[in-house]
Amino acid sequence: MSDTTFVLDPRLKADTQRVAALSLCDVLLMNDARYAWLILVPRLAGCTEILDLPEAGRAQLWQEINHVAAMLRGTVPCDKLNIGALGNIVRQLHVHVIARKEDDAAWPGPVWGQGAARPYSDAELESIMQRLRKALAT
């Protein structure tokens, strides 16, 4: 399920690396090594809210959120998963799935606006991308 007119928002494209494509969503890794932070973006043009998806799309989105959240929790040690679709800055529908630790830079608050992002080094990026892709494939 995708749309040939879909274009990823330039801000998401600039801040992330593409991990994988699921049936509905692209899975993106936020380029901030302080957090294991994935973003799911349904490949449907014009969607800003979950309710903009057709009923089957909403069901598929929740299945993919559950799959990615379980995979992330099994891949990256965490104390809590944060899942949210805010869209106040980037209006294109996207869902954040963030593995949080009690000792992370923003705990217990939200990750948004908490200091400057620390981009992954090349080695860190290669390592986490391999782990995430392997986990998503199983």
N, C-alpha and C. Protein backbone atom coordinates (compact mmCIF):
# COMPACT_ATOMS: atom_id res chain seq x y z
N MET A 1 0.85 -1.17 0.00
CA MET A 1 0.00 0.00 0.00
C MET A 1 0.90 1.23 0.00
N SER A 2 0.94 1.93 -1.11
CA SER A 2 1.70 3.18 -1.18
C SER A 2 1.15 4.01 -2.32
N ASP A 3 1.67 5.20 -2.44
CA ASP A 3 1.14 6.18 -3.37
C ASP A 3 2.31 6.68 -4.24
N THR A 4 2.15 6.63 -5.54
CA THR A 4 3.23 7.05 -6.43
C THR A 4 3.50 8.55 -6.36
N THR A 5 2.57 9.35 -5.79
CA THR A 5 2.79 10.78 -5.66
C THR A 5 3.41 11.15 -4.31
N PHE A 6 3.68 10.15 -3.49
CA PHE A 6 4.26 10.40 -2.17
C PHE A 6 5.67 10.95 -2.28
N VAL A 7 5.95 12.00 -1.50
CA VAL A 7 7.29 12.58 -1.39
C VAL A 7 7.56 12.81 0.09
N LEU A 8 8.69 12.32 0.57
CA LEU A 8 9.07 12.50 1.96
C LEU A 8 9.36 13.97 2.23
N ASP A 9 8.84 14.47 3.33
CA ASP A 9 9.08 15.85 3.73
C ASP A 9 10.59 16.10 3.80
N PRO A 10 11.06 17.22 3.23
CA PRO A 10 12.51 17.50 3.21
C PRO A 10 13.16 17.54 4.59
N ARG A 11 12.42 17.95 5.61
CA ARG A 11 13.01 17.99 6.96
C ARG A 11 13.25 16.58 7.49
N LEU A 12 12.30 15.68 7.23
CA LEU A 12 12.51 14.28 7.63
C LEU A 12 13.66 13.67 6.85
N LYS A 13 13.70 13.96 5.57
CA LYS A 13 14.77 13.43 4.73
C LYS A 13 16.14 13.90 5.22
N ALA A 14 16.23 15.15 5.62
CA ALA A 14 17.51 15.72 6.07
C ALA A 14 17.97 15.18 7.42
N ASP A 15 17.02 14.79 8.27
CA ASP A 15 17.33 14.40 9.65
C ASP A 15 17.41 12.90 9.88
N THR A 16 17.17 12.09 8.85
CA THR A 16 17.05 10.65 9.05
C THR A 16 17.82 9.84 8.01
N GLN A 17 17.92 8.56 8.31
CA GLN A 17 18.45 7.57 7.38
C GLN A 17 17.35 6.52 7.19
N ARG A 18 17.14 6.08 5.97
CA ARG A 18 16.11 5.07 5.70
C ARG A 18 16.62 3.70 6.11
N VAL A 19 15.86 3.05 6.98
CA VAL A 19 16.21 1.72 7.48
C VAL A 19 15.58 0.65 6.60
N ALA A 20 14.27 0.80 6.34
CA ALA A 20 13.54 -0.25 5.62
C ALA A 20 12.22 0.29 5.12
N ALA A 21 11.61 -0.49 4.24
CA ALA A 21 10.25 -0.21 3.77
C ALA A 21 9.36 -1.36 4.21
N LEU A 22 8.31 -1.04 4.95
CA LEU A 22 7.29 -2.02 5.31
C LEU A 22 6.16 -1.90 4.29
N SER A 23 5.08 -2.61 4.50
CA SER A 23 3.97 -2.58 3.54
C SER A 23 3.44 -1.18 3.33
N LEU A 24 3.25 -0.44 4.42
CA LEU A 24 2.69 0.91 4.34
C LEU A 24 3.74 1.99 4.57
N CYS A 25 4.61 1.76 5.51
CA CYS A 25 5.51 2.82 5.99
C CYS A 25 6.96 2.61 5.61
N ASP A 26 7.65 3.73 5.43
CA ASP A 26 9.11 3.72 5.45
C ASP A 26 9.52 3.85 6.92
N VAL A 27 10.54 3.11 7.30
CA VAL A 27 11.10 3.20 8.65
C VAL A 27 12.38 3.99 8.55
N LEU A 28 12.44 5.08 9.28
CA LEU A 28 13.58 5.99 9.25
C LEU A 28 14.24 6.03 10.62
N LEU A 29 15.55 6.19 10.64
CA LEU A 29 16.31 6.36 11.87
C LEU A 29 16.68 7.83 12.01
N MET A 30 16.27 8.45 13.10
CA MET A 30 16.65 9.83 13.37
C MET A 30 18.16 9.87 13.62
N ASN A 31 18.83 10.81 12.98
CA ASN A 31 20.29 10.91 13.10
C ASN A 31 20.66 11.67 14.38
N ASP A 32 20.35 11.03 15.51
CA ASP A 32 20.68 11.57 16.83
C ASP A 32 21.06 10.39 17.70
N ALA A 33 22.35 10.18 17.88
CA ALA A 33 22.86 9.01 18.58
C ALA A 33 22.54 9.01 20.07
N ARG A 34 21.97 10.09 20.58
CA ARG A 34 21.59 10.11 21.99
C ARG A 34 20.40 9.20 22.28
N TYR A 35 19.62 8.90 21.25
CA TYR A 35 18.40 8.10 21.41
C TYR A 35 18.28 7.10 20.27
N ALA A 36 17.75 5.92 20.54
CA ALA A 36 17.34 5.00 19.48
C ALA A 36 15.95 5.45 19.07
N TRP A 37 15.87 6.16 17.94
CA TRP A 37 14.67 6.92 17.59
C TRP A 37 14.30 6.60 16.15
N LEU A 38 13.20 5.88 16.00
CA LEU A 38 12.71 5.53 14.67
C LEU A 38 11.46 6.33 14.35
N ILE A 39 11.25 6.53 13.07
CA ILE A 39 10.08 7.26 12.58
C ILE A 39 9.45 6.44 11.48
N LEU A 40 8.15 6.20 11.59
CA LEU A 40 7.40 5.51 10.55
C LEU A 40 6.63 6.54 9.75
N VAL A 41 6.76 6.50 8.44
CA VAL A 41 6.08 7.45 7.57
C VAL A 41 5.25 6.67 6.54
N PRO A 42 3.92 6.74 6.64
CA PRO A 42 3.11 6.09 5.61
C PRO A 42 3.37 6.72 4.25
N ARG A 43 3.55 5.88 3.24
CA ARG A 43 3.84 6.37 1.89
C ARG A 43 2.54 6.71 1.17
N LEU A 44 1.80 7.64 1.73
CA LEU A 44 0.55 8.12 1.13
C LEU A 44 0.58 9.64 1.14
N ALA A 45 0.44 10.25 -0.02
CA ALA A 45 0.50 11.70 -0.14
C ALA A 45 -0.70 12.35 0.55
N GLY A 46 -0.46 13.50 1.14
CA GLY A 46 -1.54 14.31 1.68
C GLY A 46 -2.04 13.94 3.06
N CYS A 47 -1.46 12.96 3.71
CA CYS A 47 -1.91 12.57 5.05
C CYS A 47 -1.18 13.39 6.10
N THR A 48 -1.95 14.02 6.97
CA THR A 48 -1.35 14.73 8.09
C THR A 48 -1.78 14.13 9.43
N GLU A 49 -2.87 13.42 9.45
CA GLU A 49 -3.39 12.83 10.68
C GLU A 49 -3.65 11.34 10.44
N ILE A 50 -3.59 10.55 11.50
CA ILE A 50 -3.89 9.13 11.37
C ILE A 50 -5.29 8.94 10.79
N LEU A 51 -6.21 9.79 11.18
CA LEU A 51 -7.58 9.65 10.68
C LEU A 51 -7.71 9.96 9.19
N ASP A 52 -6.67 10.51 8.56
CA ASP A 52 -6.67 10.72 7.10
C ASP A 52 -6.46 9.41 6.34
N LEU A 53 -5.97 8.39 7.02
CA LEU A 53 -5.76 7.10 6.37
C LEU A 53 -7.10 6.38 6.23
N PRO A 54 -7.25 5.60 5.17
CA PRO A 54 -8.45 4.76 5.08
C PRO A 54 -8.42 3.74 6.22
N GLU A 55 -9.55 3.14 6.52
CA GLU A 55 -9.64 2.22 7.65
C GLU A 55 -8.57 1.12 7.58
N ALA A 56 -8.39 0.52 6.41
CA ALA A 56 -7.37 -0.53 6.27
C ALA A 56 -5.98 0.04 6.51
N GLY A 57 -5.74 1.27 6.12
CA GLY A 57 -4.46 1.92 6.35
C GLY A 57 -4.20 2.17 7.81
N ARG A 58 -5.24 2.56 8.55
CA ARG A 58 -5.08 2.76 10.00
C ARG A 58 -4.72 1.45 10.69
N ALA A 59 -5.39 0.38 10.30
CA ALA A 59 -5.09 -0.93 10.89
C ALA A 59 -3.65 -1.34 10.55
N GLN A 60 -3.25 -1.13 9.30
CA GLN A 60 -1.89 -1.49 8.89
C GLN A 60 -0.86 -0.65 9.63
N LEU A 61 -1.13 0.64 9.81
CA LEU A 61 -0.21 1.50 10.55
C LEU A 61 0.00 0.98 11.97
N TRP A 62 -1.07 0.64 12.66
CA TRP A 62 -0.94 0.15 14.04
C TRP A 62 -0.17 -1.17 14.08
N GLN A 63 -0.39 -2.04 13.09
CA GLN A 63 0.39 -3.29 13.02
C GLN A 63 1.87 -2.99 12.86
N GLU A 64 2.18 -2.03 11.99
CA GLU A 64 3.59 -1.69 11.75
C GLU A 64 4.21 -0.99 12.95
N ILE A 65 3.45 -0.15 13.64
CA ILE A 65 3.94 0.49 14.87
C ILE A 65 4.28 -0.59 15.89
N ASN A 66 3.35 -1.54 16.09
CA ASN A 66 3.59 -2.62 17.05
C ASN A 66 4.82 -3.44 16.67
N HIS A 67 4.96 -3.75 15.41
CA HIS A 67 6.10 -4.54 14.93
C HIS A 67 7.41 -3.80 15.18
N VAL A 68 7.46 -2.54 14.81
CA VAL A 68 8.69 -1.75 14.97
C VAL A 68 8.99 -1.52 16.44
N ALA A 69 7.98 -1.24 17.25
CA ALA A 69 8.20 -1.01 18.68
C ALA A 69 8.75 -2.27 19.35
N ALA A 70 8.17 -3.43 19.03
CA ALA A 70 8.65 -4.69 19.62
C ALA A 70 10.08 -4.97 19.16
N MET A 71 10.35 -4.73 17.89
CA MET A 71 11.69 -4.94 17.36
C MET A 71 12.69 -4.02 18.06
N LEU A 72 12.33 -2.75 18.22
CA LEU A 72 13.24 -1.78 18.84
C LEU A 72 13.52 -2.17 20.28
N ARG A 73 12.47 -2.53 21.01
CA ARG A 73 12.64 -2.93 22.42
C ARG A 73 13.51 -4.17 22.53
N GLY A 74 13.42 -5.06 21.57
CA GLY A 74 14.25 -6.26 21.59
C GLY A 74 15.67 -6.04 21.11
N THR A 75 15.92 -4.93 20.45
CA THR A 75 17.24 -4.65 19.87
C THR A 75 18.05 -3.68 20.71
N VAL A 76 17.38 -2.73 21.32
CA VAL A 76 18.05 -1.67 22.06
C VAL A 76 17.53 -1.69 23.50
N PRO A 77 18.43 -1.83 24.48
CA PRO A 77 17.96 -1.79 25.87
C PRO A 77 17.23 -0.47 26.15
N CYS A 78 16.07 -0.58 26.80
CA CYS A 78 15.34 0.65 27.14
C CYS A 78 14.48 0.42 28.37
N ASP A 79 14.13 1.52 29.02
CA ASP A 79 13.25 1.48 30.18
C ASP A 79 11.81 1.78 29.80
N LYS A 80 11.63 2.46 28.66
CA LYS A 80 10.29 2.88 28.24
C LYS A 80 10.32 3.15 26.74
N LEU A 81 9.23 2.83 26.07
CA LEU A 81 9.06 3.21 24.66
C LEU A 81 8.14 4.41 24.60
N ASN A 82 8.53 5.43 23.87
CA ASN A 82 7.66 6.57 23.61
C ASN A 82 7.17 6.44 22.17
N ILE A 83 5.86 6.49 21.98
CA ILE A 83 5.26 6.40 20.66
C ILE A 83 4.33 7.59 20.50
N GLY A 84 4.52 8.36 19.42
CA GLY A 84 3.67 9.53 19.25
C GLY A 84 3.66 10.05 17.83
N ALA A 85 2.54 10.67 17.50
CA ALA A 85 2.38 11.33 16.20
C ALA A 85 1.97 12.77 16.48
N LEU A 86 2.96 13.66 16.50
CA LEU A 86 2.68 15.05 16.85
C LEU A 86 2.41 15.90 15.61
N GLY A 87 3.41 16.06 14.78
CA GLY A 87 3.22 16.78 13.53
C GLY A 87 3.03 18.27 13.64
N ASN A 88 3.48 18.87 14.73
CA ASN A 88 3.33 20.32 14.86
C ASN A 88 4.32 21.09 13.99
N ILE A 89 5.47 20.52 13.72
CA ILE A 89 6.47 21.17 12.88
C ILE A 89 6.46 20.55 11.49
N VAL A 90 6.59 19.22 11.42
CA VAL A 90 6.49 18.51 10.14
C VAL A 90 5.08 17.96 10.06
N ARG A 91 4.29 18.52 9.17
CA ARG A 91 2.87 18.17 9.11
C ARG A 91 2.61 16.82 8.45
N GLN A 92 3.53 16.34 7.64
CA GLN A 92 3.35 15.04 7.00
C GLN A 92 3.19 13.98 8.10
N LEU A 93 2.21 13.10 7.93
CA LEU A 93 1.96 12.07 8.92
C LEU A 93 3.22 11.23 9.15
N HIS A 94 3.65 11.15 10.39
CA HIS A 94 4.78 10.32 10.79
C HIS A 94 4.62 9.98 12.26
N VAL A 95 5.10 8.81 12.63
CA VAL A 95 4.96 8.32 14.00
C VAL A 95 6.34 8.04 14.56
N HIS A 96 6.62 8.64 15.70
CA HIS A 96 7.90 8.46 16.38
C HIS A 96 7.82 7.23 17.29
N VAL A 97 8.84 6.40 17.26
CA VAL A 97 8.99 5.27 18.18
C VAL A 97 10.40 5.41 18.76
N ILE A 98 10.45 5.75 20.05
CA ILE A 98 11.73 6.12 20.67
C ILE A 98 11.98 5.23 21.88
N ALA A 99 13.13 4.57 21.89
CA ALA A 99 13.54 3.77 23.04
C ALA A 99 14.20 4.71 24.05
N ARG A 100 13.57 4.84 25.21
CA ARG A 100 14.07 5.77 26.22
C ARG A 100 14.73 5.02 27.37
N LYS A 101 15.74 5.68 27.94
CA LYS A 101 16.44 5.16 29.11
C LYS A 101 16.39 6.22 30.19
N GLU A 102 16.31 5.77 31.43
CA GLU A 102 16.21 6.71 32.54
C GLU A 102 17.43 7.61 32.65
N ASP A 103 18.53 7.24 32.05
CA ASP A 103 19.72 8.09 32.10
C ASP A 103 19.97 8.83 30.79
N ASP A 104 18.96 8.87 29.88
CA ASP A 104 19.20 9.59 28.62
C ASP A 104 19.15 11.10 28.83
N ALA A 105 19.57 11.83 27.83
CA ALA A 105 19.77 13.28 27.93
C ALA A 105 18.50 14.05 28.26
N ALA A 106 17.34 13.51 27.97
CA ALA A 106 16.10 14.26 28.18
C ALA A 106 15.20 13.68 29.26
N TRP A 107 15.54 12.53 29.80
CA TRP A 107 14.66 11.85 30.76
C TRP A 107 14.35 12.74 31.94
N PRO A 108 13.13 12.82 32.41
CA PRO A 108 11.94 12.10 31.97
C PRO A 108 11.10 12.88 30.96
N GLY A 109 11.61 14.01 30.52
CA GLY A 109 10.86 14.84 29.59
C GLY A 109 10.90 14.31 28.17
N PRO A 110 10.25 15.03 27.26
CA PRO A 110 10.26 14.62 25.85
C PRO A 110 11.63 14.87 25.23
N VAL A 111 11.93 14.18 24.14
CA VAL A 111 13.22 14.34 23.49
C VAL A 111 13.30 15.62 22.66
N TRP A 112 12.16 16.15 22.25
CA TRP A 112 12.14 17.33 21.38
C TRP A 112 12.69 18.55 22.11
N GLY A 113 13.57 19.26 21.44
CA GLY A 113 14.08 20.52 21.97
C GLY A 113 15.06 20.36 23.12
N GLN A 114 15.60 19.19 23.32
CA GLN A 114 16.52 18.94 24.42
C GLN A 114 17.95 18.91 23.90
N GLY A 115 18.57 20.06 23.82
CA GLY A 115 19.96 20.12 23.38
C GLY A 115 20.11 19.86 21.90
N ALA A 116 21.36 19.85 21.46
CA ALA A 116 21.67 19.62 20.05
C ALA A 116 21.80 18.13 19.78
N ALA A 117 21.30 17.72 18.64
CA ALA A 117 21.44 16.32 18.22
C ALA A 117 22.92 15.98 18.09
N ARG A 118 23.25 14.73 18.41
CA ARG A 118 24.60 14.24 18.19
C ARG A 118 24.52 13.21 17.06
N PRO A 119 24.92 13.62 15.85
CA PRO A 119 24.83 12.69 14.72
C PRO A 119 25.66 11.43 14.98
N TYR A 120 25.19 10.32 14.43
CA TYR A 120 25.94 9.07 14.50
C TYR A 120 27.26 9.22 13.76
N SER A 121 28.30 8.62 14.29
CA SER A 121 29.54 8.49 13.52
C SER A 121 29.25 7.47 12.41
N ASP A 122 30.13 7.40 11.43
CA ASP A 122 29.94 6.42 10.35
C ASP A 122 29.86 5.01 10.91
N ALA A 123 30.74 4.68 11.84
CA ALA A 123 30.76 3.33 12.41
C ALA A 123 29.50 3.05 13.23
N GLU A 124 29.07 4.03 14.04
CA GLU A 124 27.85 3.86 14.82
C GLU A 124 26.64 3.67 13.91
N LEU A 125 26.57 4.48 12.86
CA LEU A 125 25.45 4.40 11.94
C LEU A 125 25.41 3.04 11.25
N GLU A 126 26.55 2.58 10.78
CA GLU A 126 26.60 1.27 10.12
C GLU A 126 26.15 0.17 11.08
N SER A 127 26.63 0.23 12.32
CA SER A 127 26.30 -0.79 13.31
C SER A 127 24.80 -0.82 13.62
N ILE A 128 24.23 0.33 13.92
CA ILE A 128 22.81 0.34 14.29
C ILE A 128 21.92 0.01 13.10
N MET A 129 22.29 0.47 11.92
CA MET A 129 21.49 0.14 10.73
C MET A 129 21.50 -1.36 10.48
N GLN A 130 22.64 -2.01 10.62
CA GLN A 130 22.72 -3.45 10.44
C GLN A 130 21.85 -4.18 11.46
N ARG A 131 21.94 -3.77 12.72
CA ARG A 131 21.15 -4.41 13.78
C ARG A 131 19.65 -4.22 13.54
N LEU A 132 19.25 -3.02 13.18
CA LEU A 132 17.83 -2.75 12.96
C LEU A 132 17.30 -3.52 11.75
N ARG A 133 18.04 -3.51 10.67
CA ARG A 133 17.60 -4.22 9.46
C ARG A 133 17.50 -5.72 9.71
N LYS A 134 18.47 -6.27 10.41
CA LYS A 134 18.44 -7.70 10.73
C LYS A 134 17.22 -8.01 11.59
N ALA A 135 16.97 -7.19 12.60
CA ALA A 135 15.84 -7.42 13.50
C ALA A 135 14.50 -7.27 12.78
N LEU A 136 14.40 -6.31 11.87
CA LEU A 136 13.15 -6.13 11.12
C LEU A 136 12.89 -7.28 10.16
N ALA A 137 13.95 -7.91 9.69
CA ALA A 137 13.80 -9.00 8.73
C ALA A 137 13.35 -10.31 9.38
N THR A 138 13.49 -10.40 10.71
CA THR A 138 13.11 -11.65 11.38
C THR A 138 11.71 -11.61 11.91
